[in-house]
PDB file of N, CA and C in Angstrom:
ATOM      1  N   MET A   1       0.818  -1.231   0.019  1.00  0.00           N
ATOM      2  CA  MET A   1       0.032   0.035  -0.052  1.00  0.00           C
ATOM      3  C   MET A   1       0.867   1.169   0.025  1.00  0.00           C
ATOM      4  N   LYS A   2       2.128   1.104   0.494  1.00  0.00           N
ATOM      5  CA  LYS A   2       3.064   2.248   0.416  1.00  0.00           C
ATOM      6  C   LYS A   2       3.253   2.894  -0.872  1.00  0.00           C
ATOM      7  N   LYS A   3       3.147   2.233  -1.919  1.00  0.00           N
ATOM      8  CA  LYS A   3       3.373   2.792  -3.200  1.00  0.00           C
ATOM      9  C   LYS A   3       2.111   3.278  -4.024  1.00  0.00           C
ATOM     10  N   LEU A   4       0.897   3.161  -3.323  1.00  0.00           N
ATOM     11  CA  LEU A   4      -0.287   3.666  -3.796  1.00  0.00           C
ATOM     12  C   LEU A   4      -0.526   5.125  -3.615  1.00  0.00           C
ATOM     13  N   SER A   5      -1.292   5.772  -4.485  1.00  0.00           N
ATOM     14  CA  SER A   5      -1.648   7.239  -4.159  1.00  0.00           C
ATOM     15  C   SER A   5      -2.726   7.139  -3.167  1.00  0.00           C
ATOM     16  N   ALA A   6      -2.908   8.368  -2.572  1.00  0.00           N
ATOM     17  CA  ALA A   6      -3.925   8.570  -1.447  1.00  0.00           C
ATOM     18  C   ALA A   6      -5.312   8.318  -2.057  1.00  0.00           C
ATOM     19  N   PHE A   7      -5.588   8.570  -3.443  1.00  0.00           N
ATOM     20  CA  PHE A   7      -6.842   8.175  -3.997  1.00  0.00           C
ATOM     21  C   PHE A   7      -6.976   6.679  -4.092  1.00  0.00           C
ATOM     22  N   GLN A   8      -6.050   5.931  -4.474  1.00  0.00           N
ATOM     23  CA  GLN A   8      -5.967   4.556  -4.524  1.00  0.00           C
ATOM     24  C   GLN A   8      -6.236   3.845  -3.101  1.00  0.00           C
ATOM     25  N   ARG A   9      -5.535   4.519  -2.179  1.00  0.00           N
ATOM     26  CA  ARG A   9      -5.652   4.082  -0.673  1.00  0.00           C
ATOM     27  C   ARG A   9      -7.109   4.201  -0.291  1.00  0.00           C
ATOM     28  N   ASP A  10      -7.682   5.398  -0.738  1.00  0.00           N
ATOM     29  CA  ASP A  10      -9.070   5.563  -0.286  1.00  0.00           C
ATOM     30  C   ASP A  10     -10.012   4.520  -0.979  1.00  0.00           C
ATOM     31  N   LEU A  11      -9.730   4.239  -2.221  1.00  0.00           N
ATOM     32  CA  LEU A  11     -10.606   3.337  -2.917  1.00  0.00           C
ATOM     33  C   LEU A  11     -10.436   2.022  -2.227  1.00  0.00           C
ATOM     34  N   LEU A  12      -9.375   1.518  -1.755  1.00  0.00           N
ATOM     35  CA  LEU A  12      -9.197   0.226  -0.993  1.00  0.00           C
ATOM     36  C   LEU A  12     -10.092   0.243   0.225  1.00  0.00           C
ATOM     37  N   PHE A  13     -10.015   1.259   0.965  1.00  0.00           N
ATOM     38  CA  PHE A  13     -10.870   1.386   2.336  1.00  0.00           C
ATOM     39  C   PHE A  13     -12.243   1.377   1.895  1.00  0.00           C
ATOM     40  N   VAL A  14     -12.794   1.982   0.911  1.00  0.00           N
ATOM     41  CA  VAL A  14     -14.099   2.100   0.480  1.00  0.00           C
ATOM     42  C   VAL A  14     -14.588   0.685  -0.044  1.00  0.00           C
ATOM     43  N   VAL A  15     -13.818   0.042  -0.908  1.00  0.00           N
ATOM     44  CA  VAL A  15     -14.251  -1.271  -1.537  1.00  0.00           C
ATOM     45  C   VAL A  15     -14.289  -2.322  -0.295  1.00  0.00           C
ATOM     46  N   ASP A  16     -13.207  -2.269   0.570  1.00  0.00           N
ATOM     47  CA  ASP A  16     -13.259  -3.127   1.675  1.00  0.00           C
ATOM     48  C   ASP A  16     -14.595  -3.139   2.511  1.00  0.00           C
ATOM     49  N   GLY A  17     -15.141  -1.903   2.698  1.00  0.00           N
ATOM     50  CA  GLY A  17     -16.269  -1.689   3.515  1.00  0.00           C
ATOM     51  C   GLY A  17     -17.531  -1.916   2.983  1.00  0.00           C
ATOM     52  N   MET A  18     -17.603  -2.145   1.613  1.00  0.00           N
ATOM     53  CA  MET A  18     -18.836  -2.421   0.940  1.00  0.00           C
ATOM     54  C   MET A  18     -19.312  -3.949   0.733  1.00  0.00           C
ATOM     55  N   ASP A  19     -20.492  -4.249   0.898  1.00  0.00           N
ATOM     56  CA  ASP A  19     -20.917  -5.533   0.722  1.00  0.00           C
ATOM     57  C   ASP A  19     -20.932  -5.917  -0.884  1.00  0.00           C
ATOM     58  N   GLU A  20     -21.243  -4.987  -1.775  1.00  0.00           N
ATOM     59  CA  GLU A  20     -21.231  -5.215  -3.145  1.00  0.00           C
ATOM     60  C   GLU A  20     -20.603  -4.030  -3.972  1.00  0.00           C
ATOM     61  N   PRO A  21     -19.273  -4.030  -3.742  1.00  0.00           N
ATOM     62  CA  PRO A  21     -18.518  -2.851  -4.447  1.00  0.00           C
ATOM     63  C   PRO A  21     -18.570  -2.828  -5.848  1.00  0.00           C
ATOM     64  N   TYR A  22     -19.451  -2.049  -6.525  1.00  0.00           N
ATOM     65  CA  TYR A  22     -19.586  -1.705  -7.980  1.00  0.00           C
ATOM     66  C   TYR A  22     -19.140  -0.272  -8.293  1.00  0.00           C
ATOM     67  N   GLY A  23     -18.730   0.091  -9.457  1.00  0.00           N
ATOM     68  CA  GLY A  23     -18.218   1.234  -9.805  1.00  0.00           C
ATOM     69  C   GLY A  23     -19.033   2.429  -9.299  1.00  0.00           C
ATOM     70  N   LEU A  24     -20.235   2.550  -9.717  1.00  0.00           N
ATOM     71  CA  LEU A  24     -21.057   3.748  -9.189  1.00  0.00           C
ATOM     72  C   LEU A  24     -21.252   3.828  -7.720  1.00  0.00           C
ATOM     73  N   GLY A  25     -21.278   2.593  -7.014  1.00  0.00           N
ATOM     74  CA  GLY A  25     -21.440   2.598  -5.546  1.00  0.00           C
ATOM     75  C   GLY A  25     -20.182   3.097  -5.052  1.00  0.00           C
ATOM     76  N   ILE A  26     -19.089   2.541  -5.424  1.00  0.00           N
ATOM     77  CA  ILE A  26     -17.791   3.048  -4.902  1.00  0.00           C
ATOM     78  C   ILE A  26     -17.620   4.518  -5.135  1.00  0.00           C
ATOM     79  N   LYS A  27     -18.013   5.027  -6.230  1.00  0.00           N
ATOM     80  CA  LYS A  27     -17.927   6.382  -6.682  1.00  0.00           C
ATOM     81  C   LYS A  27     -18.742   7.264  -5.558  1.00  0.00           C
ATOM     82  N   ALA A  28     -19.895   6.850  -5.270  1.00  0.00           N
ATOM     83  CA  ALA A  28     -20.824   7.554  -4.465  1.00  0.00           C
ATOM     84  C   ALA A  28     -20.180   7.573  -3.038  1.00  0.00           C
ATOM     85  N   GLU A  29     -19.770   6.518  -2.678  1.00  0.00           N
ATOM     86  CA  GLU A  29     -19.277   6.486  -1.200  1.00  0.00           C
ATOM     87  C   GLU A  29     -17.996   7.250  -1.027  1.00  0.00           C
ATOM     88  N   LEU A  30     -17.211   7.251  -2.072  1.00  0.00           N
ATOM     89  CA  LEU A  30     -16.047   8.130  -2.141  1.00  0.00           C
ATOM     90  C   LEU A  30     -16.189   9.440  -2.188  1.00  0.00           C
ATOM     91  N   GLU A  31     -17.247   9.936  -2.972  1.00  0.00           N
ATOM     92  CA  GLU A  31     -17.666  11.327  -3.029  1.00  0.00           C
ATOM     93  C   GLU A  31     -18.238  11.954  -1.778  1.00  0.00           C
ATOM     94  N   ALA A  32     -19.012  11.052  -1.151  1.00  0.00           N
ATOM     95  CA  ALA A  32     -19.627  11.385   0.202  1.00  0.00           C
ATOM     96  C   ALA A  32     -18.418  11.786   1.234  1.00  0.00           C
ATOM     97  N   TYR A  33     -17.366  10.909   1.207  1.00  0.00           N
ATOM     98  CA  TYR A  33     -16.264  11.005   2.042  1.00  0.00           C
ATOM     99  C   TYR A  33     -15.484  12.261   1.750  1.00  0.00           C
ATOM    100  N   ARG A  34     -15.187  12.314   0.533  1.00  0.00           N
ATOM    101  CA  ARG A  34     -14.276  13.488   0.058  1.00  0.00           C
ATOM    102  C   ARG A  34     -14.986  14.857  -0.195  1.00  0.00           C
ATOM    103  N   GLU A  35     -16.306  14.829  -0.284  1.00  0.00           N
ATOM    104  CA  GLU A  35     -17.103  15.972  -0.439  1.00  0.00           C
ATOM    105  C   GLU A  35     -16.705  16.616  -1.791  1.00  0.00           C
ATOM    106  N   THR A  36     -16.367  15.932  -2.757  1.00  0.00           N
ATOM    107  CA  THR A  36     -16.035  16.610  -4.043  1.00  0.00           C
ATOM    108  C   THR A  36     -16.457  15.392  -5.201  1.00  0.00           C
ATOM    109  N   PRO A  37     -16.863  15.973  -6.342  1.00  0.00           N
ATOM    110  CA  PRO A  37     -17.141  14.938  -7.382  1.00  0.00           C
ATOM    111  C   PRO A  37     -15.928  14.186  -7.893  1.00  0.00           C
ATOM    112  N   ILE A  38     -16.178  13.053  -8.281  1.00  0.00           N
ATOM    113  CA  ILE A  38     -15.079  12.043  -8.778  1.00  0.00           C
ATOM    114  C   ILE A  38     -15.490  11.804 -10.296  1.00  0.00           C
ATOM    115  N   ASN A  39     -14.481  12.116 -11.183  1.00  0.00           N
ATOM    116  CA  ASN A  39     -14.674  11.808 -12.458  1.00  0.00           C
ATOM    117  C   ASN A  39     -14.456  10.369 -12.944  1.00  0.00           C
ATOM    118  N   PRO A  40     -15.342   9.929 -13.572  1.00  0.00           N
ATOM    119  CA  PRO A  40     -15.303   8.358 -14.069  1.00  0.00           C
ATOM    120  C   PRO A  40     -13.830   8.070 -14.687  1.00  0.00           C
ATOM    121  N   GLY A  41     -13.344   9.105 -15.386  1.00  0.00           N
ATOM    122  CA  GLY A  41     -11.889   8.901 -16.015  1.00  0.00           C
ATOM    123  C   GLY A  41     -10.786   8.840 -14.956  1.00  0.00           C
ATOM    124  N   GLN A  42     -11.133   9.216 -13.686  1.00  0.00           N
ATOM    125  CA  GLN A  42     -10.168   9.028 -12.628  1.00  0.00           C
ATOM    126  C   GLN A  42     -10.558   7.723 -11.894  1.00  0.00           C
ATOM    127  N   LEU A  43     -11.779   7.412 -11.710  1.00  0.00           N
ATOM    128  CA  LEU A  43     -12.223   6.164 -10.889  1.00  0.00           C
ATOM    129  C   LEU A  43     -11.697   4.937 -11.720  1.00  0.00           C
ATOM    130  N   TYR A  44     -12.100   4.707 -12.781  1.00  0.00           N
ATOM    131  CA  TYR A  44     -12.020   3.346 -13.345  1.00  0.00           C
ATOM    132  C   TYR A  44     -10.545   3.068 -13.753  1.00  0.00           C
ATOM    133  N   PRO A  45      -9.871   3.997 -14.243  1.00  0.00           N
ATOM    134  CA  PRO A  45      -8.324   3.636 -14.414  1.00  0.00           C
ATOM    135  C   PRO A  45      -7.708   3.266 -13.109  1.00  0.00           C
ATOM    136  N   ASN A  46      -8.049   3.889 -12.098  1.00  0.00           N
ATOM    137  CA  ASN A  46      -7.493   3.507 -10.680  1.00  0.00           C
ATOM    138  C   ASN A  46      -7.840   2.225 -10.193  1.00  0.00           C
ATOM    139  N   LEU A  47      -9.219   1.909 -10.360  1.00  0.00           N
ATOM    140  CA  LEU A  47      -9.678   0.575  -9.952  1.00  0.00           C
ATOM    141  C   LEU A  47      -9.039  -0.429 -10.773  1.00  0.00           C
ATOM    142  N   ASN A  48      -8.825  -0.263 -12.148  1.00  0.00           N
ATOM    143  CA  ASN A  48      -8.115  -1.248 -12.972  1.00  0.00           C
ATOM    144  C   ASN A  48      -6.812  -1.352 -12.566  1.00  0.00           C
ATOM    145  N   SER A  49      -6.085  -0.327 -12.100  1.00  0.00           N
ATOM    146  CA  SER A  49      -4.681  -0.435 -11.639  1.00  0.00           C
ATOM    147  C   SER A  49      -4.613  -1.359 -10.395  1.00  0.00           C
ATOM    148  N   LEU A  50      -5.489  -1.162  -9.490  1.00  0.00           N
ATOM    149  CA  LEU A  50      -5.602  -1.932  -8.320  1.00  0.00           C
ATOM    150  C   LEU A  50      -5.761  -3.339  -8.644  1.00  0.00           C
ATOM    151  N   VAL A  51      -6.644  -3.758  -9.656  1.00  0.00           N
ATOM    152  CA  VAL A  51      -6.723  -5.045 -10.035  1.00  0.00           C
ATOM    153  C   VAL A  51      -5.470  -5.544 -10.679  1.00  0.00           C
ATOM    154  N   GLU A  52      -4.792  -4.812 -11.436  1.00  0.00           N
ATOM    155  CA  GLU A  52      -3.538  -5.302 -11.984  1.00  0.00           C
ATOM    156  C   GLU A  52      -2.449  -5.526 -10.910  1.00  0.00           C
ATOM    157  N   GLN A  53      -2.582  -4.748  -9.872  1.00  0.00           N
ATOM    158  CA  GLN A  53      -1.500  -4.865  -8.831  1.00  0.00           C
ATOM    159  C   GLN A  53      -2.009  -5.948  -7.809  1.00  0.00           C
ATOM    160  N   GLY A  54      -3.123  -6.638  -7.972  1.00  0.00           N
ATOM    161  CA  GLY A  54      -3.450  -7.735  -7.045  1.00  0.00           C
ATOM    162  C   GLY A  54      -4.155  -7.316  -5.854  1.00  0.00           C
ATOM    163  N   TYR A  55      -4.637  -6.003  -5.818  1.00  0.00           N
ATOM    164  CA  TYR A  55      -5.429  -5.679  -4.579  1.00  0.00           C
ATOM    165  C   TYR A  55      -6.847  -5.953  -4.635  1.00  0.00           C
ATOM    166  N   LEU A  56      -7.399  -6.023  -6.000  1.00  0.00           N
ATOM    167  CA  LEU A  56      -8.803  -6.203  -6.259  1.00  0.00           C
ATOM    168  C   LEU A  56      -8.964  -7.299  -7.381  1.00  0.00           C
ATOM    169  N   THR A  57     -10.123  -7.944  -7.438  1.00  0.00           N
ATOM    170  CA  THR A  57     -10.387  -8.748  -8.539  1.00  0.00           C
ATOM    171  C   THR A  57     -11.662  -8.122  -9.141  1.00  0.00           C
ATOM    172  N   LYS A  58     -11.824  -8.263 -10.496  1.00  0.00           N
ATOM    173  CA  LYS A  58     -12.923  -7.696 -11.252  1.00  0.00           C
ATOM    174  C   LYS A  58     -13.857  -8.697 -11.715  1.00  0.00           C
ATOM    175  N   GLN A  59     -15.023  -8.762 -11.338  1.00  0.00           N
ATOM    176  CA  GLN A  59     -16.036  -9.811 -11.697  1.00  0.00           C
ATOM    177  C   GLN A  59     -17.276  -9.100 -12.370  1.00  0.00           C
ATOM    178  N   ARG A  60     -17.651  -9.599 -13.397  1.00  0.00           N
ATOM    179  CA  ARG A  60     -18.890  -9.063 -14.085  1.00  0.00           C
ATOM    180  C   ARG A  60     -20.243  -9.538 -13.343  1.00  0.00           C
ATOM    181  N   LYS A  61     -20.934  -8.560 -12.957  1.00  0.00           N
ATOM    182  CA  LYS A  61     -22.230  -8.822 -12.229  1.00  0.00           C
ATOM    183  C   LYS A  61     -23.246  -8.941 -13.160  1.00  0.00           C
ATOM    184  N   ASP A  62     -23.353  -8.092 -14.185  1.00  0.00           N
ATOM    185  CA  ASP A  62     -24.235  -8.201 -15.292  1.00  0.00           C
ATOM    186  C   ASP A  62     -23.776  -7.576 -16.658  1.00  0.00           C
ATOM    187  N   ASP A  63     -24.656  -7.262 -17.469  1.00  0.00           N
ATOM    188  CA  ASP A  63     -24.054  -6.668 -18.781  1.00  0.00           C
ATOM    189  C   ASP A  63     -23.403  -5.250 -18.542  1.00  0.00           C
ATOM    190  N   ARG A  64     -23.800  -4.496 -17.566  1.00  0.00           N
ATOM    191  CA  ARG A  64     -23.317  -3.179 -17.468  1.00  0.00           C
ATOM    192  C   ARG A  64     -22.469  -2.944 -16.161  1.00  0.00           C
ATOM    193  N   THR A  65     -22.513  -3.866 -15.270  1.00  0.00           N
ATOM    194  CA  THR A  65     -21.884  -3.649 -13.976  1.00  0.00           C
ATOM    195  C   THR A  65     -20.798  -4.701 -13.653  1.00  0.00           C
ATOM    196  N   ASN A  66     -19.639  -4.089 -13.194  1.00  0.00           N
ATOM    197  CA  ASN A  66     -18.510  -5.012 -12.617  1.00  0.00           C
ATOM    198  C   ASN A  66     -18.425  -4.817 -11.111  1.00  0.00           C
ATOM    199  N   LEU A  67     -18.203  -5.960 -10.464  1.00  0.00           N
ATOM    200  CA  LEU A  67     -17.840  -5.818  -9.019  1.00  0.00           C
ATOM    201  C   LEU A  67     -16.292  -5.868  -8.827  1.00  0.00           C
ATOM    202  N   TYR A  68     -15.893  -5.023  -7.999  1.00  0.00           N
ATOM    203  CA  TYR A  68     -14.294  -4.778  -7.530  1.00  0.00           C
ATOM    204  C   TYR A  68     -14.304  -5.372  -6.275  1.00  0.00           C
ATOM    205  N   LEU A  69     -13.821  -6.637  -6.131  1.00  0.00           N
ATOM    206  CA  LEU A  69     -13.727  -7.315  -4.823  1.00  0.00           C
ATOM    207  C   LEU A  69     -12.321  -7.342  -4.245  1.00  0.00           C
ATOM    208  N   PRO A  70     -12.186  -7.186  -2.858  1.00  0.00           N
ATOM    209  CA  PRO A  70     -10.924  -7.052  -2.377  1.00  0.00           C
ATOM    210  C   PRO A  70     -10.302  -8.439  -2.189  1.00  0.00           C
ATOM    211  N   THR A  71      -8.872  -8.409  -2.492  1.00  0.00           N
ATOM    212  CA  THR A  71      -8.147  -9.812  -2.213  1.00  0.00           C
ATOM    213  C   THR A  71      -7.719  -9.806  -0.723  1.00  0.00           C
ATOM    214  N   ASP A  72      -7.120 -10.960  -0.365  1.00  0.00           N
ATOM    215  CA  ASP A  72      -6.569 -11.001   0.866  1.00  0.00           C
ATOM    216  C   ASP A  72      -5.461  -9.851   1.087  1.00  0.00           C
ATOM    217  N   ARG A  73      -4.850  -9.436   0.097  1.00  0.00           N
ATOM    218  CA  ARG A  73      -3.762  -8.399   0.136  1.00  0.00           C
ATOM    219  C   ARG A  73      -4.337  -7.169   0.707  1.00  0.00           C
ATOM    220  N   VAL A  74      -5.693  -6.854   0.627  1.00  0.00           N
ATOM    221  CA  VAL A  74      -6.164  -5.634   1.067  1.00  0.00           C
ATOM    222  C   VAL A  74      -6.210  -5.621   2.564  1.00  0.00           C
ATOM    223  N   ALA A  75      -6.744  -6.654   3.228  1.00  0.00           N
ATOM    224  CA  ALA A  75      -6.882  -6.748   4.517  1.00  0.00           C
ATOM    225  C   ALA A  75      -5.383  -6.603   5.190  1.00  0.00           C
ATOM    226  N   ALA A  76      -4.442  -7.170   4.671  1.00  0.00           N
ATOM    227  CA  ALA A  76      -3.066  -7.065   5.270  1.00  0.00           C
ATOM    228  C   ALA A  76      -2.580  -5.509   5.087  1.00  0.00           C
ATOM    229  N   ALA A  77      -2.862  -4.986   3.977  1.00  0.00           N
ATOM    230  CA  ALA A  77      -2.450  -3.607   3.583  1.00  0.00           C
ATOM    231  C   ALA A  77      -3.142  -2.588   4.538  1.00  0.00           C
ATOM    232  N   ILE A  78      -4.490  -2.844   4.757  1.00  0.00           N
ATOM    233  CA  ILE A  78      -5.278  -1.974   5.648  1.00  0.00           C
ATOM    234  C   ILE A  78      -4.779  -2.104   7.074  1.00  0.00           C
ATOM    235  N   ALA A  79      -4.427  -3.226   7.549  1.00  0.00           N
ATOM    236  CA  ALA A  79      -4.025  -3.394   8.907  1.00  0.00           C
ATOM    237  C   ALA A  79      -2.653  -2.766   8.974  1.00  0.00           C
ATOM    238  N   ASP A  80      -1.798  -2.813   8.079  1.00  0.00           N
ATOM    239  CA  ASP A  80      -0.448  -2.283   8.162  1.00  0.00           C
ATOM    240  C   ASP A  80      -0.589  -0.744   8.131  1.00  0.00           C
ATOM    241  N   ARG A  81      -1.467  -0.240   7.301  1.00  0.00           N
ATOM    242  CA  ARG A  81      -1.624   1.202   7.372  1.00  0.00           C
ATOM    243  C   ARG A  81      -2.215   1.693   8.634  1.00  0.00           C
ATOM    244  N   ARG A  82      -3.240   0.977   9.196  1.00  0.00           N
ATOM    245  CA  ARG A  82      -3.793   1.452  10.478  1.00  0.00           C
ATOM    246  C   ARG A  82      -2.616   1.413  11.678  1.00  0.00           C
ATOM    247  N   ARG A  83      -1.844   0.384  11.558  1.00  0.00           N
ATOM    248  CA  ARG A  83      -0.786   0.261  12.533  1.00  0.00           C
ATOM    249  C   ARG A  83       0.234   1.374  12.410  1.00  0.00           C
ATOM    250  N   TRP A  84       0.510   1.856  11.177  1.00  0.00           N
ATOM    251  CA  TRP A  84       1.547   2.939  10.902  1.00  0.00           C
ATOM    252  C   TRP A  84       0.728   4.169  11.382  1.00  0.00           C
ATOM    253  N   GLU A  85      -0.537   4.496  11.036  1.00  0.00           N
ATOM    254  CA  GLU A  85      -1.159   5.673  11.618  1.00  0.00           C
ATOM    255  C   GLU A  85      -1.269   5.803  12.984  1.00  0.00           C
ATOM    256  N   ALA A  86      -1.424   4.618  13.676  1.00  0.00           N
ATOM    257  CA  ALA A  86      -1.565   4.573  15.202  1.00  0.00           C
ATOM    258  C   ALA A  86      -0.196   5.039  15.806  1.00  0.00           C
ATOM    259  N   GLU A  87       0.941   4.540  15.207  1.00  0.00           N
ATOM    260  CA  GLU A  87       2.246   4.938  15.557  1.00  0.00           C
ATOM    261  C   GLU A  87       2.480   6.418  15.438  1.00  0.00           C
ATOM    262  N   GLN A  88       2.160   6.902  14.251  1.00  0.00           N
ATOM    263  CA  GLN A  88       2.257   8.326  13.978  1.00  0.00           C
ATOM    264  C   GLN A  88       1.619   9.198  14.935  1.00  0.00           C
ATOM    265  N   CYS A  89       0.352   8.805  15.308  1.00  0.00           N
ATOM    266  CA  CYS A  89      -0.528   9.604  16.211  1.00  0.00           C
ATOM    267  C   CYS A  89       0.157   9.607  17.604  1.00  0.00           C
ATOM    268  N   THR A  90       0.564   8.360  17.958  1.00  0.00           N
ATOM    269  CA  THR A  90       1.260   8.290  19.312  1.00  0.00           C
ATOM    270  C   THR A  90       2.453   9.238  19.368  1.00  0.00           C
ATOM    271  N   GLU A  91       3.240   9.195  18.324  1.00  0.00           N
ATOM    272  CA  GLU A  91       4.417   9.913  18.251  1.00  0.00           C
ATOM    273  C   GLU A  91       4.259  11.487  18.311  1.00  0.00           C
ATOM    274  N   THR A  92       3.062  11.918  17.615  1.00  0.00           N
ATOM    275  CA  THR A  92       2.904  13.341  17.583  1.00  0.00           C
ATOM    276  C   THR A  92       1.937  13.880  18.709  1.00  0.00           C
ATOM    277  N   THR A  93       1.461  12.937  19.352  1.00  0.00           N
ATOM    278  CA  THR A  93       0.518  13.415  20.471  1.00  0.00           C
ATOM    279  C   THR A  93       1.134  13.370  21.851  1.00  0.00           C
ATOM    280  N   THR A  94       2.401  12.700  21.867  1.00  0.00           N
ATOM    281  CA  THR A  94       2.940  12.524  23.149  1.00  0.00           C
ATOM    282  C   THR A  94       3.735  13.965  23.601  1.00  0.00           C
ATOM    283  N   PRO A  95       3.294  14.619  24.589  1.00  0.00           N
ATOM    284  CA  PRO A  95       3.819  15.883  25.035  1.00  0.00           C
ATOM    285  C   PRO A  95       5.431  15.824  25.307  1.00  0.00           C
ATOM    286  N   PRO A  96       6.140  16.738  25.011  1.00  0.00           N
ATOM    287  CA  PRO A  96       7.480  16.746  25.308  1.00  0.00           C
ATOM    288  C   PRO A  96       7.817  16.632  26.775  1.00  0.00           C
ATOM    289  N   SER A  97       8.842  16.048  27.006  1.00  0.00           N
ATOM    290  CA  SER A  97       9.192  15.763  28.653  1.00  0.00           C
ATOM    291  C   SER A  97       9.829  17.046  29.153  1.00  0.00           C
ATOM    292  N   PRO A  98       9.641  17.420  30.347  1.00  0.00           N
ATOM    293  CA  PRO A  98      10.121  18.646  31.048  1.00  0.00           C
ATOM    294  C   PRO A  98      11.685  18.654  31.017  1.00  0.00           C
TER     295      PRO A  98
END
């Protein structure tokens, strides 16, 4: 996950939290979090990149909809990221000693 962009990292968190992660649903969840519109030209190339990198698998749901399902690699990457964030918060919130 260290080599992913912030946008790709956010995509993984959103996909991991959805029961049925499909393109427009992912887009809606991410727009709600970021409070800004997301262009399909940004969304789908990044989802496809995450598929190519082994973070997601792409499955056809119907003629117009693909599901983007997290692989086992996502759970490990998210756990690693959360551990790193917790360490950073601990380091920055510890008051200096007198």
